[in-house]
C-alpha cells in the first residue's frame, strides 16, 4: 500500500513547515516521538495505566515502532533520562530503550530534551559503543497551557543538514534518520573529522592521526568544547575571552573503529537559556579501521543486565490482557538480550 503524502499545516509557508506528529507517552516503557505519521495517530497513545482500559503492557514500544514505521514515520526516544540507570539497584527499571535499539526499532534519540542531557548522552555513548548508529535529535516538550513548567517552544531543537533546493519536510526527516544533525538548547556547532561531517564515515586502512575542524557560537558562555570518541574525551578545545565562540583545527589519534562527536556545555544554567544548563552535541561521525572493529564488552554487559530487568518485570506483571500478549513481548526482549549477550563476549 503506497504511503500517503505528509500533510502540512496550513500555517506553513515556503520557509517554515509545520507538521503534526505524535508523542506516544507510556510511562512504563518510555515516551516515543513518532515523526511523520501519514495516515493516522496510534491510539490509545499509551499503555500500562492501572484501573483503565489501557492497563495492559501491550503493545510494547517495539510493537508501536512497527506500527509507526508502516506509516513511513521516524521513531525516537524522547526526553529519555534524568540519571544513568543502574540495573543492579534501580527499582523499577522498565525503560525499553536499549531493547528497541538492539531490535532496530529506533531512528533517533533526543539527547537534548526535557531530561538531563549529560545522563542521556552517557547511555547514548554506550549504545554507540555497541555498534548501533543512532543519531541525535531534540525536543522541548513544551506545555502550551502551563508555560512556567518549561521553556519556550524551540528551546531544545535539532538542526538537520539538507540538500540545497526547495524546503521539503521529507528531506528534513531523511536527514534526521541519516544523522546529519546537531541538537542544542543554545550553542551552534560545526564538526568535521577526516573531511566528513555528522552522519558520515571515515574509512581508514590503519590506525593514524585524523584531522579535525570544529566551530562553536553561543549567546552565553560555554565552559567546555570537546571532541568525544568512543565515550572518552579525545580533545578539549581551549575557550578564550567571553567563551562564546571558538574555531580550531588539529588532529586526533584514531586507534580503532568507532565514532566521534563534538559537544559543548556549561557547568551551570546560563540566562536566557531556560534549561538545566547550555548543551549541544552533533550526531556521530563514524570511523572504520581495517582490522580493528568496534568492540565494547563492558557496555554490552551493561545492557544485558538492563534488559534482564525488563524481562523480569514483564514476566512478573499481572497487567496483560492475554498470555499471548505477555509471551510476545517477552520474546522480543529476549531477542534483544541475545544480541547484547553476543557483544558482551
C-alpha atoms as a PDB file:
ATOM      1  CA  UNK A   1       0.000   0.000   0.000  1.00  0.00           C
ATOM      2  CA  UNK A   2       1.579   3.332  -1.045  1.00  0.00           C
ATOM      3  CA  UNK A   3       2.234   5.862   1.687  1.00  0.00           C
ATOM      4  CA  UNK A   4       0.054   8.941   1.820  1.00  0.00           C
ATOM      5  CA  UNK A   5       1.932  12.242   1.412  1.00  0.00           C
ATOM      6  CA  UNK A   6       2.790  14.163   4.561  1.00  0.00           C
ATOM      7  CA  UNK A   7       0.191  16.820   5.237  1.00  0.00           C
ATOM      8  CA  UNK A   8       1.468  20.291   6.126  1.00  0.00           C
ATOM      9  CA  UNK A   9      -0.444  22.536   8.486  1.00  0.00           C
ATOM     10  CA  UNK A  10      -1.967  25.493   6.643  1.00  0.00           C
ATOM     11  CA  UNK A  11       0.239  27.824   8.690  1.00  0.00           C
ATOM     12  CA  UNK A  12       3.235  26.558   6.677  1.00  0.00           C
ATOM     13  CA  UNK A  13       4.916  28.722   4.045  1.00  0.00           C
ATOM     14  CA  UNK A  14       7.921  28.460   1.725  1.00  0.00           C
ATOM     15  CA  UNK A  15      10.401  28.975   4.560  1.00  0.00           C
ATOM     16  CA  UNK A  16       8.580  27.413   7.522  1.00  0.00           C
ATOM     17  CA  UNK A  17       6.950  23.986   7.578  1.00  0.00           C
ATOM     18  CA  UNK A  18       4.592  22.873  10.334  1.00  0.00           C
ATOM     19  CA  UNK A  19       3.735  19.179  10.555  1.00  0.00           C
ATOM     20  CA  UNK A  20       1.716  17.490  13.290  1.00  0.00           C
ATOM     21  CA  UNK A  21       3.136  14.280  14.730  1.00  0.00           C
ATOM     22  CA  UNK A  22       2.605  12.235  17.887  1.00  0.00           C
ATOM     23  CA  UNK A  23       4.198  11.590  21.241  1.00  0.00           C
ATOM     24  CA  UNK A  24       3.338   8.064  22.300  1.00  0.00           C
ATOM     25  CA  UNK A  25       3.588   8.512  26.041  1.00  0.00           C
ATOM     26  CA  UNK A  26       3.512   5.310  28.014  1.00  0.00           C
ATOM     27  CA  UNK A  27       5.268   5.886  31.316  1.00  0.00           C
ATOM     28  CA  UNK A  28       6.052   2.183  31.706  1.00  0.00           C
ATOM     29  CA  UNK A  29       8.151   1.591  28.571  1.00  0.00           C
ATOM     30  CA  UNK A  30       9.189   5.209  27.916  1.00  0.00           C
ATOM     31  CA  UNK A  31       7.942   8.017  25.685  1.00  0.00           C
ATOM     32  CA  UNK A  32       8.329   7.881  21.894  1.00  0.00           C
ATOM     33  CA  UNK A  33       8.296  10.552  19.223  1.00  0.00           C
ATOM     34  CA  UNK A  34       6.532   9.389  16.048  1.00  0.00           C
ATOM     35  CA  UNK A  35       7.561  11.868  13.353  1.00  0.00           C
ATOM     36  CA  UNK A  36       5.785  11.922  10.020  1.00  0.00           C
ATOM     37  CA  UNK A  37       2.782   9.655  10.539  1.00  0.00           C
ATOM     38  CA  UNK A  38       0.975   9.691   7.218  1.00  0.00           C
ATOM     39  CA  UNK A  39      -2.354   8.014   7.872  1.00  0.00           C
ATOM     40  CA  UNK A  40      -3.492   8.212  11.492  1.00  0.00           C
ATOM     41  CA  UNK A  41      -2.412   8.626  15.091  1.00  0.00           C
ATOM     42  CA  UNK A  42      -1.751   5.462  17.089  1.00  0.00           C
ATOM     43  CA  UNK A  43      -4.499   5.273  19.706  1.00  0.00           C
ATOM     44  CA  UNK A  44      -4.707   4.900  22.584  1.00  0.00           C
ATOM     45  CA  UNK A  45      -1.435   6.766  22.920  1.00  0.00           C
ATOM     46  CA  UNK A  46      -0.232   4.858  25.965  1.00  0.00           C
ATOM     47  CA  UNK A  47      -0.318   1.533  27.811  1.00  0.00           C
ATOM     48  CA  UNK A  48       0.227   0.367  31.373  1.00  0.00           C
ATOM     49  CA  UNK A  49      -2.158   2.688  33.188  1.00  0.00           C
ATOM     50  CA  UNK A  50      -3.757   0.681  36.038  1.00  0.00           C
ATOM     51  CA  UNK A  51      -7.520   0.761  36.516  1.00  0.00           C
ATOM     52  CA  UNK A  52      -8.120   1.934  32.954  1.00  0.00           C
ATOM     53  CA  UNK A  53      -8.995   0.183  29.700  1.00  0.00           C
ATOM     54  CA  UNK A  54      -5.299   0.590  28.792  1.00  0.00           C
ATOM     55  CA  UNK A  55      -3.885  -1.234  31.819  1.00  0.00           C
ATOM     56  CA  UNK A  56      -2.167  -3.950  29.764  1.00  0.00           C
ATOM     57  CA  UNK A  57       1.540  -3.510  28.980  1.00  0.00           C
ATOM     58  CA  UNK A  58       0.787  -4.434  25.358  1.00  0.00           C
ATOM     59  CA  UNK A  59       1.687  -3.075  22.884  1.00  0.00           C
ATOM     60  CA  UNK A  60       5.294  -2.590  23.938  1.00  0.00           C
ATOM     61  CA  UNK A  61       7.210   0.239  22.316  1.00  0.00           C
ATOM     62  CA  UNK A  62       8.743  -2.213  19.844  1.00  0.00           C
ATOM     63  CA  UNK A  63       5.247  -3.001  18.573  1.00  0.00           C
ATOM     64  CA  UNK A  64       4.360   0.686  18.392  1.00  0.00           C
ATOM     65  CA  UNK A  65       7.543   1.348  16.431  1.00  0.00           C
ATOM     66  CA  UNK A  66       6.478  -1.240  13.866  1.00  0.00           C
ATOM     67  CA  UNK A  67       3.073   0.452  13.516  1.00  0.00           C
ATOM     68  CA  UNK A  68       4.716   3.847  13.022  1.00  0.00           C
ATOM     69  CA  UNK A  69       7.276   2.544  10.535  1.00  0.00           C
ATOM     70  CA  UNK A  70       4.448   1.038   8.480  1.00  0.00           C
ATOM     71  CA  UNK A  71       3.222   4.627   8.038  1.00  0.00           C
ATOM     72  CA  UNK A  72       6.681   5.842   6.997  1.00  0.00           C
ATOM     73  CA  UNK A  73       7.313   7.656  10.288  1.00  0.00           C
ATOM     74  CA  UNK A  74      10.536   8.002  12.234  1.00  0.00           C
ATOM     75  CA  UNK A  75      10.607   6.613  15.774  1.00  0.00           C
ATOM     76  CA  UNK A  76      12.703   8.124  18.542  1.00  0.00           C
ATOM     77  CA  UNK A  77      13.002   8.053  22.298  1.00  0.00           C
ATOM     78  CA  UNK A  78      12.141  11.479  23.724  1.00  0.00           C
ATOM     79  CA  UNK A  79      13.190  13.213  26.975  1.00  0.00           C
ATOM     80  CA  UNK A  80      14.856   9.978  27.993  1.00  0.00           C
ATOM     81  CA  UNK A  81      16.817  10.031  31.240  1.00  0.00           C
ATOM     82  CA  UNK A  82      17.271  12.084  34.395  1.00  0.00           C
ATOM     83  CA  UNK A  83      20.005   9.745  35.664  1.00  0.00           C
ATOM     84  CA  UNK A  84      22.109   6.921  34.267  1.00  0.00           C
ATOM     85  CA  UNK A  85      20.248   3.716  35.206  1.00  0.00           C
ATOM     86  CA  UNK A  86      21.949   1.169  37.450  1.00  0.00           C
ATOM     87  CA  UNK A  87      20.465  -2.227  36.568  1.00  0.00           C
ATOM     88  CA  UNK A  88      21.784  -3.676  39.824  1.00  0.00           C
ATOM     89  CA  UNK A  89      19.961  -1.171  42.020  1.00  0.00           C
ATOM     90  CA  UNK A  90      17.227   0.790  40.261  1.00  0.00           C
ATOM     91  CA  UNK A  91      13.716  -0.352  41.033  1.00  0.00           C
ATOM     92  CA  UNK A  92      11.667  -0.291  38.937  1.00  0.00           C
ATOM     93  CA  UNK A  93      13.569  -0.417  35.637  1.00  0.00           C
ATOM     94  CA  UNK A  94      11.151  -0.819  32.728  1.00  0.00           C
ATOM     95  CA  UNK A  95      12.623   1.645  30.214  1.00  0.00           C
ATOM     96  CA  UNK A  96      12.663  -0.180  26.885  1.00  0.00           C
ATOM     97  CA  UNK A  97      15.232   1.947  25.020  1.00  0.00           C
ATOM     98  CA  UNK A  98      18.181  -0.495  24.796  1.00  0.00           C
ATOM     99  CA  UNK A  99      15.986  -3.396  23.731  1.00  0.00           C
ATOM    100  CA  UNK A 100      14.426  -1.404  20.918  1.00  0.00           C
ATOM    101  CA  UNK A 101      17.781  -0.094  19.711  1.00  0.00           C
ATOM    102  CA  UNK A 102      19.094  -3.663  19.515  1.00  0.00           C
ATOM    103  CA  UNK A 103      15.987  -4.701  17.568  1.00  0.00           C
ATOM    104  CA  UNK A 104      16.463  -1.913  15.020  1.00  0.00           C
ATOM    105  CA  UNK A 105      13.296  -0.071  16.018  1.00  0.00           C
ATOM    106  CA  UNK A 106      14.809   3.328  16.920  1.00  0.00           C
ATOM    107  CA  UNK A 107      15.691   6.020  14.376  1.00  0.00           C
ATOM    108  CA  UNK A 108      16.923   8.725  16.767  1.00  0.00           C
ATOM    109  CA  UNK A 109      17.293   9.673  20.419  1.00  0.00           C
ATOM    110  CA  UNK A 110      16.597  13.072  21.956  1.00  0.00           C
ATOM    111  CA  UNK A 111      19.917  13.717  23.658  1.00  0.00           C
ATOM    112  CA  UNK A 112      18.741  17.300  24.237  1.00  0.00           C
ATOM    113  CA  UNK A 113      15.244  17.306  25.715  1.00  0.00           C
ATOM    114  CA  UNK A 114      13.162  17.607  28.870  1.00  0.00           C
ATOM    115  CA  UNK A 115      15.640  15.426  30.786  1.00  0.00           C
ATOM    116  CA  UNK A 116      19.285  15.522  31.823  1.00  0.00           C
ATOM    117  CA  UNK A 117      21.371  15.876  28.678  1.00  0.00           C
ATOM    118  CA  UNK A 118      24.600  14.515  30.184  1.00  0.00           C
ATOM    119  CA  UNK A 119      22.936  11.403  31.607  1.00  0.00           C
ATOM    120  CA  UNK A 120      21.154  10.740  28.328  1.00  0.00           C
ATOM    121  CA  UNK A 121      24.415  11.217  26.430  1.00  0.00           C
ATOM    122  CA  UNK A 122      26.233   8.737  28.672  1.00  0.00           C
ATOM    123  CA  UNK A 123      23.732   5.999  27.834  1.00  0.00           C
ATOM    124  CA  UNK A 124      23.782   7.068  24.170  1.00  0.00           C
ATOM    125  CA  UNK A 125      27.559   6.646  24.116  1.00  0.00           C
ATOM    126  CA  UNK A 126      27.203   3.098  25.455  1.00  0.00           C
ATOM    127  CA  UNK A 127      24.747   2.283  22.664  1.00  0.00           C
ATOM    128  CA  UNK A 128      27.109   3.755  20.077  1.00  0.00           C
ATOM    129  CA  UNK A 129      29.932   1.674  21.567  1.00  0.00           C
ATOM    130  CA  UNK A 130      27.837  -1.416  20.862  1.00  0.00           C
ATOM    131  CA  UNK A 131      27.955  -0.515  17.177  1.00  0.00           C
ATOM    132  CA  UNK A 132      24.493   0.989  16.762  1.00  0.00           C
ATOM    133  CA  UNK A 133      24.371   4.034  14.512  1.00  0.00           C
ATOM    134  CA  UNK A 134      21.920   6.178  16.426  1.00  0.00           C
ATOM    135  CA  UNK A 135      21.547   9.887  15.546  1.00  0.00           C
ATOM    136  CA  UNK A 136      20.731  12.644  17.987  1.00  0.00           C
ATOM    137  CA  UNK A 137      17.676  14.858  17.817  1.00  0.00           C
ATOM    138  CA  UNK A 138      15.977  17.196  20.286  1.00  0.00           C
ATOM    139  CA  UNK A 139      12.600  18.281  21.590  1.00  0.00           C
ATOM    140  CA  UNK A 140      11.344  20.881  24.025  1.00  0.00           C
ATOM    141  CA  UNK A 141       8.286  19.036  25.386  1.00  0.00           C
ATOM    142  CA  UNK A 142       6.661  22.464  25.521  1.00  0.00           C
ATOM    143  CA  UNK A 143       3.490  22.678  27.636  1.00  0.00           C
ATOM    144  CA  UNK A 144       1.485  25.401  25.930  1.00  0.00           C
ATOM    145  CA  UNK A 145      -1.093  25.631  28.705  1.00  0.00           C
ATOM    146  CA  UNK A 146       1.448  25.795  31.533  1.00  0.00           C
ATOM    147  CA  UNK A 147       4.349  27.891  30.312  1.00  0.00           C
ATOM    148  CA  UNK A 148       6.170  28.100  33.637  1.00  0.00           C
ATOM    149  CA  UNK A 149       6.812  24.340  33.587  1.00  0.00           C
ATOM    150  CA  UNK A 150       9.139  24.523  30.598  1.00  0.00           C
ATOM    151  CA  UNK A 151      10.903  26.988  28.367  1.00  0.00           C
ATOM    152  CA  UNK A 152       9.510  28.339  25.098  1.00  0.00           C
ATOM    153  CA  UNK A 153       8.782  26.168  22.073  1.00  0.00           C
ATOM    154  CA  UNK A 154      12.084  25.536  20.334  1.00  0.00           C
ATOM    155  CA  UNK A 155      14.178  25.700  23.493  1.00  0.00           C
ATOM    156  CA  UNK A 156      15.538  22.231  22.669  1.00  0.00           C
ATOM    157  CA  UNK A 157      15.918  21.844  18.929  1.00  0.00           C
ATOM    158  CA  UNK A 158      17.642  19.817  16.256  1.00  0.00           C
ATOM    159  CA  UNK A 159      19.223  21.151  13.078  1.00  0.00           C
ATOM    160  CA  UNK A 160      19.423  18.844  10.067  1.00  0.00           C
ATOM    161  CA  UNK A 161      21.579  19.479   7.017  1.00  0.00           C
ATOM    162  CA  UNK A 162      19.515  19.033   3.853  1.00  0.00           C
ATOM    163  CA  UNK A 163      20.388  19.269   0.197  1.00  0.00           C
ATOM    164  CA  UNK A 164      20.047  22.692  -1.473  1.00  0.00           C
ATOM    165  CA  UNK A 165      16.683  23.341  -3.056  1.00  0.00           C
ATOM    166  CA  UNK A 166      13.060  23.868  -2.050  1.00  0.00           C
ATOM    167  CA  UNK A 167      12.340  23.174   1.610  1.00  0.00           C
ATOM    168  CA  UNK A 168      10.570  19.823   1.991  1.00  0.00           C
ATOM    169  CA  UNK A 169       9.712  18.073   5.235  1.00  0.00           C
ATOM    170  CA  UNK A 170      10.530  14.686   3.701  1.00  0.00           C
ATOM    171  CA  UNK A 171      14.130  15.788   3.082  1.00  0.00           C
ATOM    172  CA  UNK A 172      14.430  17.065   6.652  1.00  0.00           C
ATOM    173  CA  UNK A 173      13.200  13.754   8.064  1.00  0.00           C
ATOM    174  CA  UNK A 174      15.619  11.878   5.799  1.00  0.00           C
ATOM    175  CA  UNK A 175      18.477  13.934   7.218  1.00  0.00           C
ATOM    176  CA  UNK A 176      17.355  13.198  10.781  1.00  0.00           C
ATOM    177  CA  UNK A 177      17.451   9.473  10.072  1.00  0.00           C
ATOM    178  CA  UNK A 178      20.814   9.770   8.309  1.00  0.00           C
ATOM    179  CA  UNK A 179      22.285  11.575  11.315  1.00  0.00           C
ATOM    180  CA  UNK A 180      23.212  14.796   9.529  1.00  0.00           C
ATOM    181  CA  UNK A 181      22.259  16.675  12.687  1.00  0.00           C
ATOM    182  CA  UNK A 182      23.227  18.533  15.788  1.00  0.00           C
ATOM    183  CA  UNK A 183      20.984  19.049  18.814  1.00  0.00           C
ATOM    184  CA  UNK A 184      21.140  22.085  21.067  1.00  0.00           C
ATOM    185  CA  UNK A 185      19.461  24.414  23.518  1.00  0.00           C
ATOM    186  CA  UNK A 186      21.837  27.219  22.592  1.00  0.00           C
ATOM    187  CA  UNK A 187      25.329  26.646  21.160  1.00  0.00           C
ATOM    188  CA  UNK A 188      25.686  26.176  17.405  1.00  0.00           C
ATOM    189  CA  UNK A 189      28.284  23.590  16.360  1.00  0.00           C
ATOM    190  CA  UNK A 190      30.302  22.622  13.316  1.00  0.00           C
ATOM    191  CA  UNK A 191      32.386  19.443  13.226  1.00  0.00           C
ATOM    192  CA  UNK A 192      34.461  17.805  10.532  1.00  0.00           C
ATOM    193  CA  UNK A 193      36.611  14.716  11.025  1.00  0.00           C
ATOM    194  CA  UNK A 194      38.704  13.463   8.160  1.00  0.00           C
ATOM    195  CA  UNK A 195      36.650  15.679   5.865  1.00  0.00           C
ATOM    196  CA  UNK A 196      33.372  14.054   6.957  1.00  0.00           C
ATOM    197  CA  UNK A 197      30.549  15.704   8.873  1.00  0.00           C
ATOM    198  CA  UNK A 198      27.849  14.279  11.162  1.00  0.00           C
ATOM    199  CA  UNK A 199      26.348  11.100   9.755  1.00  0.00           C
ATOM    200  CA  UNK A 200      29.377  10.468   7.558  1.00  0.00           C
ATOM    201  CA  UNK A 201      32.005   7.762   7.808  1.00  0.00           C
ATOM    202  CA  UNK A 202      35.804   7.986   7.788  1.00  0.00           C
ATOM    203  CA  UNK A 203      37.369   4.808   6.416  1.00  0.00           C
ATOM    204  CA  UNK A 204      40.973   4.073   7.313  1.00  0.00           C
ATOM    205  CA  UNK A 205      43.348   1.294   6.346  1.00  0.00           C
ATOM    206  CA  UNK A 206      45.230   1.548   9.639  1.00  0.00           C
ATOM    207  CA  UNK A 207      45.452   3.422  12.922  1.00  0.00           C
ATOM    208  CA  UNK A 208      46.506   7.012  12.301  1.00  0.00           C
ATOM    209  CA  UNK A 209      46.108  10.689  13.091  1.00  0.00           C
ATOM    210  CA  UNK A 210      42.962  12.161  11.528  1.00  0.00           C
ATOM    211  CA  UNK A 211      42.457  15.908  11.010  1.00  0.00           C
ATOM    212  CA  UNK A 212      39.510  17.723  12.538  1.00  0.00           C
ATOM    213  CA  UNK A 213      37.862  21.107  12.198  1.00  0.00           C
ATOM    214  CA  UNK A 214      35.455  22.494  14.802  1.00  0.00           C
ATOM    215  CA  UNK A 215      33.429  25.647  15.274  1.00  0.00           C
ATOM    216  CA  UNK A 216      31.129  26.893  18.038  1.00  0.00           C
ATOM    217  CA  UNK A 217      28.995  30.009  18.501  1.00  0.00           C
ATOM    218  CA  UNK A 218      26.854  30.725  21.566  1.00  0.00           C
ATOM    219  CA  UNK A 219      24.816  33.567  23.072  1.00  0.00           C
ATOM    220  CA  UNK A 220      26.026  32.558  26.557  1.00  0.00           C
ATOM    221  CA  UNK A 221      29.415  31.482  27.927  1.00  0.00           C
ATOM    222  CA  UNK A 222      30.341  27.850  27.340  1.00  0.00           C
ATOM    223  CA  UNK A 223      32.644  26.055  29.772  1.00  0.00           C
ATOM    224  CA  UNK A 224      33.582  23.011  27.693  1.00  0.00           C
ATOM    225  CA  UNK A 225      34.024  22.262  23.994  1.00  0.00           C
ATOM    226  CA  UNK A 226      35.103  18.670  23.481  1.00  0.00           C
ATOM    227  CA  UNK A 227      35.615  16.034  20.829  1.00  0.00           C
ATOM    228  CA  UNK A 228      34.384  12.759  22.311  1.00  0.00           C
ATOM    229  CA  UNK A 229      35.361   9.469  20.677  1.00  0.00           C
ATOM    230  CA  UNK A 230      34.024   6.097  21.809  1.00  0.00           C
ATOM    231  CA  UNK A 231      32.810   7.707  25.035  1.00  0.00           C
ATOM    232  CA  UNK A 232      36.076   9.393  26.017  1.00  0.00           C
ATOM    233  CA  UNK A 233      37.228  12.983  25.596  1.00  0.00           C
ATOM    234  CA  UNK A 234      39.736  12.877  22.742  1.00  0.00           C
ATOM    235  CA  UNK A 235      40.401  16.619  22.647  1.00  0.00           C
ATOM    236  CA  UNK A 236      39.424  19.572  24.841  1.00  0.00           C
ATOM    237  CA  UNK A 237      39.226  22.728  22.736  1.00  0.00           C
ATOM    238  CA  UNK A 238      40.517  25.809  24.517  1.00  0.00           C
ATOM    239  CA  UNK A 239      37.927  28.539  25.050  1.00  0.00           C
ATOM    240  CA  UNK A 240      39.099  32.111  25.448  1.00  0.00           C
ATOM    241  CA  UNK A 241      37.670  35.548  26.219  1.00  0.00           C
ATOM    242  CA  UNK A 242      33.904  35.520  26.662  1.00  0.00           C
ATOM    243  CA  UNK A 243      33.809  31.769  25.818  1.00  0.00           C
ATOM    244  CA  UNK A 244      31.023  32.352  23.316  1.00  0.00           C
ATOM    245  CA  UNK A 245      32.899  31.344  20.171  1.00  0.00           C
ATOM    246  CA  UNK A 246      35.681  29.052  19.077  1.00  0.00           C
ATOM    247  CA  UNK A 247      37.310  27.782  15.908  1.00  0.00           C
ATOM    248  CA  UNK A 248      40.001  25.139  15.916  1.00  0.00           C
ATOM    249  CA  UNK A 249      41.792  22.671  13.686  1.00  0.00           C
ATOM    250  CA  UNK A 250      44.147  19.857  14.522  1.00  0.00           C
ATOM    251  CA  UNK A 251      44.294  16.091  14.548  1.00  0.00           C
ATOM    252  CA  UNK A 252      43.428  13.274  16.918  1.00  0.00           C
ATOM    253  CA  UNK A 253      44.784   9.720  17.041  1.00  0.00           C
ATOM    254  CA  UNK A 254      42.326   7.092  15.868  1.00  0.00           C
ATOM    255  CA  UNK A 255      43.243   3.727  17.371  1.00  0.00           C
ATOM    256  CA  UNK A 256      40.319   1.701  16.071  1.00  0.00           C
ATOM    257  CA  UNK A 257      36.798   1.741  14.686  1.00  0.00           C
ATOM    258  CA  UNK A 258      34.107   3.727  16.437  1.00  0.00           C
ATOM    259  CA  UNK A 259      32.622   7.188  16.413  1.00  0.00           C
ATOM    260  CA  UNK A 260      33.298  10.806  17.381  1.00  0.00           C
ATOM    261  CA  UNK A 261      31.012  13.721  18.282  1.00  0.00           C
ATOM    262  CA  UNK A 262      31.560  17.355  19.144  1.00  0.00           C
ATOM    263  CA  UNK A 263      29.809  18.580  22.279  1.00  0.00           C
ATOM    264  CA  UNK A 264      29.593  21.905  24.101  1.00  0.00           C
ATOM    265  CA  UNK A 265      28.202  22.538  27.565  1.00  0.00           C
ATOM    266  CA  UNK A 266      28.339  24.739  30.621  1.00  0.00           C
ATOM    267  CA  UNK A 267      28.576  23.670  34.239  1.00  0.00           C
ATOM    268  CA  UNK A 268      25.510  25.643  35.336  1.00  0.00           C
ATOM    269  CA  UNK A 269      22.422  27.354  33.977  1.00  0.00           C
ATOM    270  CA  UNK A 270      23.025  30.498  31.917  1.00  0.00           C
ATOM    271  CA  UNK A 271      20.228  33.004  31.281  1.00  0.00           C
ATOM    272  CA  UNK A 272      18.465  33.388  28.840  1.00  0.00           C
ATOM    273  CA  UNK A 273      18.726  29.653  28.071  1.00  0.00           C
ATOM    274  CA  UNK A 274      15.881  28.364  30.256  1.00  0.00           C
ATOM    275  CA  UNK A 275      17.240  24.865  30.729  1.00  0.00           C
ATOM    276  CA  UNK A 276      19.337  22.945  33.265  1.00  0.00           C
ATOM    277  CA  UNK A 277      22.499  24.145  31.507  1.00  0.00           C
ATOM    278  CA  UNK A 278      23.564  25.013  27.959  1.00  0.00           C
ATOM    279  CA  UNK A 279      24.277  21.859  25.975  1.00  0.00           C
ATOM    280  CA  UNK A 280      24.806  20.910  22.350  1.00  0.00           C
ATOM    281  CA  UNK A 281      26.046  17.828  20.536  1.00  0.00           C
ATOM    282  CA  UNK A 282      26.497  16.680  16.976  1.00  0.00           C
ATOM    283  CA  UNK A 283      25.473  13.280  15.775  1.00  0.00           C
ATOM    284  CA  UNK A 284      28.459  10.977  15.301  1.00  0.00           C
ATOM    285  CA  UNK A 285      30.995  10.877  12.551  1.00  0.00           C
ATOM    286  CA  UNK A 286      31.679   7.160  12.300  1.00  0.00           C
ATOM    287  CA  UNK A 287      35.147   5.671  11.867  1.00  0.00           C
ATOM    288  CA  UNK A 288      36.007   2.289  10.349  1.00  0.00           C
ATOM    289  CA  UNK A 289      39.571   0.998  10.679  1.00  0.00           C
ATOM    290  CA  UNK A 290      40.550  -2.161   8.803  1.00  0.00           C
ATOM    291  CA  UNK A 291      41.369  -4.949  11.230  1.00  0.00           C
ATOM    292  CA  UNK A 292      40.197  -3.038  14.314  1.00  0.00           C
ATOM    293  CA  UNK A 293      36.429  -3.464  14.778  1.00  0.00           C
ATOM    294  CA  UNK A 294      34.454  -1.667  17.456  1.00  0.00           C
ATOM    295  CA  UNK A 295      34.027  -3.927  20.477  1.00  0.00           C
ATOM    296  CA  UNK A 296      32.940  -2.879  23.965  1.00  0.00           C
ATOM    297  CA  UNK A 297      32.052  -5.929  26.089  1.00  0.00           C
ATOM    298  CA  UNK A 298      31.525  -3.843  29.234  1.00  0.00           C
ATOM    299  CA  UNK A 299      28.884  -1.661  27.585  1.00  0.00           C
ATOM    300  CA  UNK A 300      27.156  -4.695  26.093  1.00  0.00           C
ATOM    301  CA  UNK A 301      27.136  -6.401  29.505  1.00  0.00           C
ATOM    302  CA  UNK A 302      25.557  -3.268  30.989  1.00  0.00           C
ATOM    303  CA  UNK A 303      22.665  -3.614  28.551  1.00  0.00           C
ATOM    304  CA  UNK A 304      22.376  -7.372  29.173  1.00  0.00           C
ATOM    305  CA  UNK A 305      21.754  -6.539  32.824  1.00  0.00           C
ATOM    306  CA  UNK A 306      19.309  -3.777  31.871  1.00  0.00           C
ATOM    307  CA  UNK A 307      17.278  -5.992  29.530  1.00  0.00           C
ATOM    308  CA  UNK A 308      17.287  -8.757  32.138  1.00  0.00           C
ATOM    309  CA  UNK A 309      15.417  -6.329  34.369  1.00  0.00           C
ATOM    310  CA  UNK A 310      12.907  -5.620  31.590  1.00  0.00           C
ATOM    311  CA  UNK A 311      12.300  -9.331  31.108  1.00  0.00           C
ATOM    312  CA  UNK A 312      11.858  -9.973  34.826  1.00  0.00           C
ATOM    313  CA  UNK A 313       9.413  -7.077  35.167  1.00  0.00           C
ATOM    314  CA  UNK A 314       7.392  -8.196  32.143  1.00  0.00           C
ATOM    315  CA  UNK A 315       7.194 -11.788  33.360  1.00  0.00           C
ATOM    316  CA  UNK A 316       6.224 -10.710  36.855  1.00  0.00           C
ATOM    317  CA  UNK A 317       3.499  -8.280  35.819  1.00  0.00           C
ATOM    318  CA  UNK A 318      -0.162  -9.239  36.011  1.00  0.00           C
ATOM    319  CA  UNK A 319      -1.102  -6.378  33.673  1.00  0.00           C
ATOM    320  CA  UNK A 320      -1.630  -8.333  30.460  1.00  0.00           C
ATOM    321  CA  UNK A 321      -4.864  -8.959  28.635  1.00  0.00           C
ATOM    322  CA  UNK A 322      -3.722 -12.384  27.460  1.00  0.00           C
ATOM    323  CA  UNK A 323      -0.824 -14.778  27.899  1.00  0.00           C
ATOM    324  CA  UNK A 324      -0.094 -14.371  24.180  1.00  0.00           C
ATOM    325  CA  UNK A 325       0.496 -10.638  24.663  1.00  0.00           C
ATOM    326  CA  UNK A 326       2.893 -11.342  27.500  1.00  0.00           C
ATOM    327  CA  UNK A 327       4.845 -14.030  25.683  1.00  0.00           C
ATOM    328  CA  UNK A 328       5.074 -11.933  22.532  1.00  0.00           C
ATOM    329  CA  UNK A 329       6.653  -9.011  24.378  1.00  0.00           C
ATOM    330  CA  UNK A 330       8.926 -11.237  26.469  1.00  0.00           C
ATOM    331  CA  UNK A 331      10.076 -12.891  23.251  1.00  0.00           C
ATOM    332  CA  UNK A 332      11.095  -9.523  21.788  1.00  0.00           C
ATOM    333  CA  UNK A 333      13.005  -8.633  24.937  1.00  0.00           C
ATOM    334  CA  UNK A 334      14.777 -11.991  24.931  1.00  0.00           C
ATOM    335  CA  UNK A 335      15.770 -11.454  21.301  1.00  0.00           C
ATOM    336  CA  UNK A 336      17.294  -8.087  22.218  1.00  0.00           C
ATOM    337  CA  UNK A 337      19.098  -9.599  25.200  1.00  0.00           C
ATOM    338  CA  UNK A 338      20.620 -12.230  22.940  1.00  0.00           C
ATOM    339  CA  UNK A 339      22.131  -9.563  20.699  1.00  0.00           C
ATOM    340  CA  UNK A 340      23.807  -7.819  23.633  1.00  0.00           C
ATOM    341  CA  UNK A 341      24.954 -11.134  25.091  1.00  0.00           C
ATOM    342  CA  UNK A 342      26.858 -11.928  21.889  1.00  0.00           C
ATOM    343  CA  UNK A 343      28.531  -8.500  22.021  1.00  0.00           C
ATOM    344  CA  UNK A 344      29.499  -8.993  25.669  1.00  0.00           C
ATOM    345  CA  UNK A 345      31.788 -11.935  24.831  1.00  0.00           C
END
